[in-house]
Protein backbone atom coordinates (compact mmCIF):
# COMPACT_ATOMS: atom_id res chain seq x y z
CA MET A 1 -0.08 0.06 -0.02
CA THR A 2 1.39 3.34 -1.06
CA PHE A 3 0.33 6.98 -0.64
CA ALA A 4 1.35 10.07 -2.62
CA ALA A 5 -0.55 12.46 -0.50
CA PRO A 6 0.25 16.14 -1.27
CA PHE A 7 1.09 17.02 2.35
CA ASP A 8 2.54 20.35 1.35
CA ASN A 9 -0.59 21.32 -0.27
CA TRP A 10 -2.78 19.97 2.35
CA PHE A 11 -0.97 21.59 5.21
CA PRO A 12 0.69 24.77 3.79
CA ASP A 13 0.73 26.47 7.11
CA ALA A 14 2.19 23.72 9.12
CA ALA A 15 5.01 24.78 11.36
CA PHE A 16 6.94 21.63 10.74
CA ASP A 17 6.71 18.41 8.61
CA GLY A 18 4.26 16.08 10.24
CA SER A 19 5.93 13.02 8.22
CA TYR A 20 9.12 13.79 10.02
CA GLY A 21 10.84 12.84 6.69
CA HIS A 22 9.53 9.35 6.75
CA THR A 23 7.77 7.23 4.14
CA LEU A 24 5.53 4.18 4.57
CA GLU A 25 8.68 2.06 3.98
CA THR A 26 10.82 3.74 6.65
CA LEU A 27 7.89 3.63 9.18
CA ARG A 28 7.35 -0.03 8.79
CA GLN A 29 11.00 -0.45 9.70
CA VAL A 30 10.73 1.40 13.07
CA LYS A 31 11.24 -1.12 15.84
CA PRO A 32 9.33 -1.36 19.22
CA LEU A 33 11.36 -0.85 22.31
CA ALA A 34 12.38 -3.98 24.39
CA PRO A 35 10.80 -4.34 27.81
CA PRO A 36 12.69 -3.42 30.87
CA ALA A 37 13.44 -6.11 33.33
CA GLY A 38 10.27 -6.99 35.41
CA PHE A 39 7.84 -5.29 32.89
CA GLU A 40 5.54 -8.32 32.46
CA GLU A 41 5.75 -8.93 36.35
CA ARG A 42 4.90 -5.64 37.20
CA TRP A 43 1.84 -5.22 34.90
CA ARG A 44 0.54 -8.56 35.90
CA ARG A 45 0.77 -7.58 39.44
CA TRP A 46 -1.20 -4.23 38.87
CA ARG A 47 -3.73 -6.43 36.93
CA SER A 48 -4.03 -8.80 40.00
CA GLU A 49 -4.31 -5.93 42.52
CA THR A 50 -7.03 -4.23 40.38
CA ALA A 51 -9.00 -7.24 40.05
CA GLN A 52 -9.39 -7.19 43.94
CA HIS A 53 -11.30 -3.83 43.72
CA ASP A 54 -15.07 -3.91 43.26
CA ALA A 55 -16.15 -1.56 40.47
CA ALA A 56 -19.32 -0.90 42.70
CA VAL A 57 -21.35 0.50 39.74
CA ALA A 58 -24.02 3.17 40.50
CA VAL A 59 -26.40 4.38 37.72
CA LEU A 60 -26.89 8.08 38.05
CA SER A 61 -29.26 8.82 35.23
CA THR A 62 -30.77 7.19 32.07
CA ALA A 63 -32.14 8.57 28.86
CA SER A 64 -33.22 7.07 25.56
CA ARG A 65 -31.60 7.75 22.11
CA SER A 66 -31.49 6.15 18.74
CA GLY A 67 -33.19 3.07 20.35
CA ARG A 68 -30.70 2.65 22.96
CA GLN A 69 -30.71 3.18 26.81
CA ILE A 70 -27.88 5.58 27.60
CA SER A 71 -26.85 6.03 31.21
CA ILE A 72 -24.28 7.89 33.18
CA VAL A 73 -22.72 5.54 35.60
CA GLU A 74 -20.03 5.87 38.34
CA HIS A 75 -17.45 3.14 39.09
CA SER A 76 -14.43 2.77 41.10
CA GLY A 77 -10.99 3.75 40.01
CA ALA A 78 -7.67 1.80 40.52
CA ASP A 79 -6.84 3.76 43.65
CA GLY A 80 -10.31 4.05 45.00
CA ILE A 81 -11.51 7.20 43.40
CA ARG A 82 -14.86 7.27 41.85
CA LEU A 83 -15.18 7.86 37.93
CA ARG A 84 -17.99 8.55 35.79
CA ALA A 85 -18.81 7.10 32.35
CA TRP A 86 -21.49 6.50 29.84
CA PHE A 87 -23.02 3.16 29.67
CA VAL A 88 -24.95 2.23 26.38
CA SER A 89 -27.29 -0.82 25.98
CA PRO A 90 -27.75 -2.60 22.75
CA VAL A 91 -30.50 -1.26 20.23
CA ALA A 92 -33.98 -2.27 21.66
CA GLY A 93 -34.86 -5.72 21.27
CA ARG A 94 -31.25 -6.98 20.80
CA THR A 95 -29.28 -9.02 23.27
CA ALA A 96 -25.71 -7.96 23.93
CA ARG A 97 -23.34 -10.20 22.09
CA ILE A 98 -20.24 -8.33 22.80
CA GLY A 99 -19.15 -5.27 24.89
CA VAL A 100 -17.18 -2.53 23.56
CA VAL A 101 -14.80 -0.51 25.84
CA HIS A 102 -14.43 2.77 23.94
CA GLY A 103 -11.61 5.10 24.90
CA HIS A 104 -11.24 8.84 23.88
CA GLY A 105 -8.62 11.33 22.89
CA TYR A 106 -6.77 13.67 25.19
CA GLY A 107 -9.35 16.31 24.90
CA GLY A 108 -11.65 14.08 27.09
CA ARG A 109 -15.25 13.24 25.95
CA ASP A 110 -18.43 15.26 25.86
CA ASP A 111 -20.64 12.54 24.39
CA ILE A 112 -20.75 8.94 22.95
CA GLU A 113 -19.69 7.89 19.59
CA LEU A 114 -21.60 4.77 18.10
CA ALA A 115 -20.04 4.45 14.68
CA ARG A 116 -17.81 1.60 15.88
CA VAL A 117 -20.36 0.04 18.13
CA PRO A 118 -22.50 -2.77 16.55
CA ASP A 119 -26.37 -2.60 17.17
CA ASP A 120 -26.20 -5.80 19.44
CA ALA A 121 -23.19 -4.53 21.54
CA ALA A 122 -23.30 -2.99 25.00
CA ALA A 123 -20.72 -0.30 25.42
CA ILE A 124 -18.98 1.70 28.08
CA PHE A 125 -17.39 5.07 27.36
CA PRO A 126 -15.17 5.60 30.29
CA VAL A 127 -13.59 9.07 30.79
CA ALA A 128 -10.02 9.12 31.96
CA ARG A 129 -9.35 10.48 35.43
CA GLY A 130 -8.97 14.25 35.41
CA LEU A 131 -10.42 14.75 32.01
CA GLY A 132 -13.67 16.41 31.03
CA SER A 133 -16.52 16.45 30.79
CA LEU A 134 -17.48 13.81 33.35
CA ASN A 135 -14.23 13.52 35.48
CA ALA A 136 -12.55 16.99 35.19
CA GLY A 137 -10.15 17.42 38.03
CA VAL A 138 -10.98 14.00 39.59
CA GLY A 139 -7.81 12.03 40.39
CA ALA A 140 -5.53 14.22 38.20
CA PRO A 141 -5.29 17.81 37.17
CA GLU A 142 -7.19 18.49 33.83
CA PRO A 143 -4.92 20.79 31.85
CA ARG A 144 -2.70 18.52 29.58
CA PRO A 145 0.68 19.67 30.58
CA GLU A 146 -0.11 18.98 34.13
CA HIS A 147 -2.23 15.78 33.46
CA VAL A 148 0.45 13.90 31.35
CA LEU A 149 3.23 14.77 34.05
CA ALA A 150 1.12 13.90 37.08
CA GLY A 151 2.96 11.35 39.19
CA ILE A 152 5.67 10.85 36.83
CA GLY A 153 8.26 10.55 39.53
CA ASP A 154 7.27 6.81 40.26
CA PRO A 155 5.81 4.08 37.97
CA GLU A 156 3.29 3.19 40.90
CA THR A 157 1.81 6.74 40.75
CA TYR A 158 2.21 7.87 37.06
CA VAL A 159 -1.18 9.11 35.79
CA ILE A 160 -0.94 7.10 32.49
CA GLY A 161 -0.48 3.89 34.32
CA LEU A 162 -3.43 4.72 36.54
CA CYS A 163 -5.51 5.61 33.45
CA ALA A 164 -4.79 2.28 31.99
CA ARG A 165 -5.60 0.48 35.39
CA ASP A 166 -8.88 2.36 35.49
CA LEU A 167 -9.85 0.76 32.05
CA TRP A 168 -9.87 -2.66 33.76
CA LEU A 169 -12.55 -1.43 36.18
CA ALA A 170 -14.51 0.26 33.42
CA ALA A 171 -14.60 -3.25 31.90
CA ASP A 172 -15.78 -4.73 35.03
CA ALA A 173 -18.55 -2.11 35.27
CA LEU A 174 -19.76 -2.97 31.63
CA ILE A 175 -19.82 -6.65 32.48
CA GLU A 176 -21.81 -5.82 35.80
CA LEU A 177 -24.44 -3.98 33.70
CA ALA A 178 -24.60 -6.20 30.54
CA GLY A 179 -23.51 -9.47 31.83
CA HIS A 180 -20.64 -11.81 31.01
CA VAL A 181 -19.93 -10.90 27.24
CA PRO A 182 -16.52 -10.93 25.68
CA LEU A 183 -14.93 -7.60 25.13
CA TYR A 184 -13.44 -5.50 22.36
CA TYR A 185 -11.52 -2.31 22.84
CA VAL A 186 -11.62 0.78 20.67
CA GLY A 187 -9.40 3.94 21.41
CA GLU A 188 -7.95 6.70 19.48
CA SER A 189 -4.86 8.84 20.33
CA PHE A 190 -4.60 8.91 24.04
CA GLY A 191 -7.47 6.25 24.35
CA GLY A 192 -5.37 4.05 21.84
CA GLY A 193 -2.47 4.51 24.17
CA ILE A 194 -4.01 3.69 27.48
CA GLY A 195 -5.82 0.92 25.75
CA ALA A 196 -2.56 -0.70 24.49
CA LEU A 197 -1.08 -0.65 27.89
CA ALA A 198 -4.35 -2.12 29.43
CA VAL A 199 -5.57 -4.64 26.98
CA PRO A 200 -2.57 -7.19 26.84
CA TRP A 201 -3.20 -8.11 30.66
CA ASP A 202 -6.96 -8.61 30.33
CA ASP A 203 -8.09 -11.98 28.94
CA ARG A 204 -11.56 -10.74 28.53
CA TYR A 205 -10.89 -8.97 25.30
CA VAL A 206 -11.21 -10.84 21.83
CA GLY A 207 -9.68 -7.81 19.88
CA ALA A 208 -8.85 -4.16 19.67
CA THR A 209 -8.86 -1.31 17.39
CA LEU A 210 -5.99 1.16 18.22
CA ILE A 211 -6.44 4.57 16.07
CA VAL A 212 -3.29 6.73 15.78
CA PRO A 213 -2.16 5.59 19.17
CA THR A 214 0.17 7.44 21.32
CA PHE A 215 2.85 6.63 24.08
CA GLY A 216 4.77 4.42 21.58
CA GLN A 217 8.53 4.08 21.12
CA HIS A 218 9.77 6.90 23.50
CA ASP A 219 13.29 6.78 22.01
CA GLU A 220 11.75 8.09 18.82
CA ARG A 221 8.99 10.23 20.56
CA LEU A 222 11.39 12.02 22.82
CA SER A 223 13.67 12.82 19.93
CA VAL A 224 11.21 15.13 17.96
CA GLU A 225 8.89 18.07 18.61
CA CYS A 226 5.12 17.68 18.37
CA LEU A 227 2.00 19.49 19.29
CA GLY A 228 0.58 16.83 21.44
CA SER A 229 1.27 15.50 25.12
CA GLY A 230 4.38 14.25 23.87
CA GLU A 231 5.90 17.67 23.78
CA ASP A 232 5.19 18.41 27.40
CA VAL A 233 6.77 14.99 28.24
CA ARG A 234 9.76 15.64 25.90
CA ARG A 235 10.47 19.02 27.58
CA HIS A 236 10.11 17.59 31.06
CA VAL A 237 12.60 14.75 30.32
CA ALA A 238 15.10 17.29 28.94
CA THR A 239 15.26 18.85 32.29
CA HIS A 240 14.45 15.69 34.42
CA PRO A 241 16.34 12.79 32.69
CA VAL A 242 15.43 10.31 35.40
CA ALA A 243 11.74 10.45 34.13
CA ARG A 244 12.85 8.69 31.20
CA GLU A 245 13.30 5.47 33.20
CA VAL A 246 9.66 5.69 34.53
CA LEU A 247 8.45 6.11 30.87
CA ARG A 248 9.99 2.74 30.01
CA TRP A 249 6.98 1.12 31.90
CA PHE A 250 4.51 2.86 29.87
CA ASP A 251 5.66 2.43 26.25
CA THR A 252 2.91 1.11 24.13
CA SER A 253 5.43 -0.32 21.67
CA THR A 254 6.50 -2.53 24.40
CA SER A 255 3.21 -3.60 25.98
CA MET A 256 1.77 -4.62 22.64
CA GLN A 257 4.47 -7.19 22.35
CA PHE A 258 2.62 -9.15 25.23
CA ALA A 259 -0.85 -8.85 23.39
CA ASP A 260 -2.21 -12.34 22.57
CA LEU A 261 -5.27 -11.13 20.38
CA PRO A 262 -6.00 -9.74 17.02
CA VAL A 263 -5.20 -6.05 17.00
CA ARG A 264 -6.09 -3.49 14.25
CA VAL A 265 -3.87 -0.39 14.10
CA GLU A 266 -4.95 2.49 12.21
CA ALA A 267 -1.58 4.49 11.88
CA ALA A 268 -1.18 7.81 9.99
CA LEU A 269 1.76 8.90 7.58
CA TRP A 270 1.55 12.56 8.68
CA ASP A 271 0.58 13.67 12.34
CA GLN A 272 1.94 16.57 14.16
CA TYR A 273 0.33 15.49 17.49
CA VAL A 274 1.55 11.83 17.64
CA PRO A 275 4.58 11.27 15.70
CA PRO A 276 3.88 8.50 13.03
CA GLN A 277 7.09 6.72 13.99
CA GLY A 278 5.56 6.00 17.41
CA GLN A 279 2.34 4.78 15.83
CA PHE A 280 4.07 2.31 13.58
CA ALA A 281 6.27 1.05 16.16
CA VAL A 282 3.03 0.03 18.04
CA ALA A 283 1.94 -1.77 14.83
CA SER A 284 5.17 -3.57 14.47
CA ALA A 285 4.72 -4.95 18.05
CA VAL A 286 1.58 -6.78 17.30
CA ARG A 287 1.64 -10.37 16.40
CA ASP A 288 -1.85 -10.66 14.87
CA LEU A 289 -1.98 -7.42 13.05
CA ASP A 290 -4.52 -5.76 10.85
CA LEU A 291 -2.68 -2.50 9.65
CA GLU A 292 -4.72 0.39 8.23
CA VAL A 293 -2.56 3.17 6.82
CA LEU A 294 -4.24 6.58 7.08
CA PRO A 295 -2.87 9.67 5.09
CA ALA A 296 -2.91 11.87 8.09
CA GLY A 297 -4.04 12.08 11.75
CA HIS A 298 -5.28 14.72 13.97
CA ALA A 299 -5.84 16.90 10.84
CA GLU A 300 -8.50 17.85 8.40
CA TYR A 301 -7.64 17.09 4.74
CA PRO A 302 -9.48 16.60 1.50
CA GLY A 303 -11.32 13.20 1.61
CA LEU A 304 -11.17 12.68 5.32
CA ASP A 305 -14.95 11.82 5.51
CA ALA A 306 -14.42 9.07 3.20
CA VAL A 307 -11.28 7.86 4.87
CA THR A 308 -12.99 7.77 8.26
CA ALA A 309 -16.06 5.98 7.02
CA ALA A 310 -13.81 3.29 5.45
CA ALA A 311 -11.89 3.01 8.63
CA GLU A 312 -14.98 2.58 10.70
CA ARG A 313 -16.09 -0.28 8.44
CA GLY A 314 -12.87 -1.93 8.70
CA GLY A 315 -13.06 -1.51 12.46
CA LEU A 316 -16.33 -3.18 12.71
CA ALA A 317 -15.23 -5.95 10.30
CA HIS A 318 -12.29 -6.46 12.62
CA LEU A 319 -14.51 -6.78 15.71
CA GLU A 320 -16.61 -9.46 13.75
CA ARG A 321 -13.39 -11.43 12.75
CA SER A 322 -11.98 -11.24 16.38
CA LEU A 323 -15.02 -12.45 17.94
CA ALA A 324 -15.59 -15.26 15.36
CA ALA A 325 -11.85 -16.41 16.01
CA ARG A 326 -12.38 -16.54 19.71
CA SER A 327 -15.55 -18.67 19.19
CA VAL A 328 -13.78 -21.05 16.96
CA ALA A 329 -10.85 -21.36 19.43
CA ALA A 330 -13.33 -21.86 22.45
CA HIS A 331 -15.03 -24.68 20.42
CA ARG A 332 -11.80 -26.42 19.72
CA ALA A 333 -10.78 -26.36 23.17
């Protein structure tokens, strides 16, 4: 697959080149980072510790939209805080066949998005600690420069790890409300990053779609400027180099090496917010990979609506293949 997108024409006012001089060929050669000693053990410990918490779901309000019941719910976070999310039932008359845990970007979330949720799926739309609109300032500061650096002095307290661990409890909340259904993860940008950290350690998932995922390949990420949260981290590490050691535990190109499930990665050739080399390193780490190459990420460009619609269809098809593969494997077992 090749692209000859006219980036100079699409983005004439860009302050810098969002391709970072890469082509699809060179991006496919970016390698994921090897895990530090004890990486798997630490993440499995966090998973085990979090599994001891009760999600303790409370339904705060419910309304109807597009044939679905949509509730604002509250559930426990990894360190005992209470976080709010949206829970969405299947379309009326349908029984939940699968549960979708749907992450969001670093801007937080103001509403649900159903384009990647089948009619017969239940879904939870968690909102990360500290972020709007449901959890602004809860468990972490809301402004991005403060949020992405919160607790960075220690892997046990770093906010990115806590956000990933919170996803396990959001999944618990979905199952408590919808019943024991297999899970599928969808996350974009920040949501793709924390999902890539959380999903490998949770065997309830049959598959995942990671859209322009962040937190990948910090050696590459910290060597270039960007407009996203990576720039706040890059500047911090430049003056606090010890923080680089903490980041080794939260590299999504490392965590995805432990993912034993089908993963679709939608990675962009041009992206000023999440450098493409990090996105493709995440894809390179996946053993059972469905790669969709996007012309650009975090940007408006000609044909974006058609690209987005095709990617959404591809994501739904991947969900169906992942669910079918898990059913075949269970039958053989």
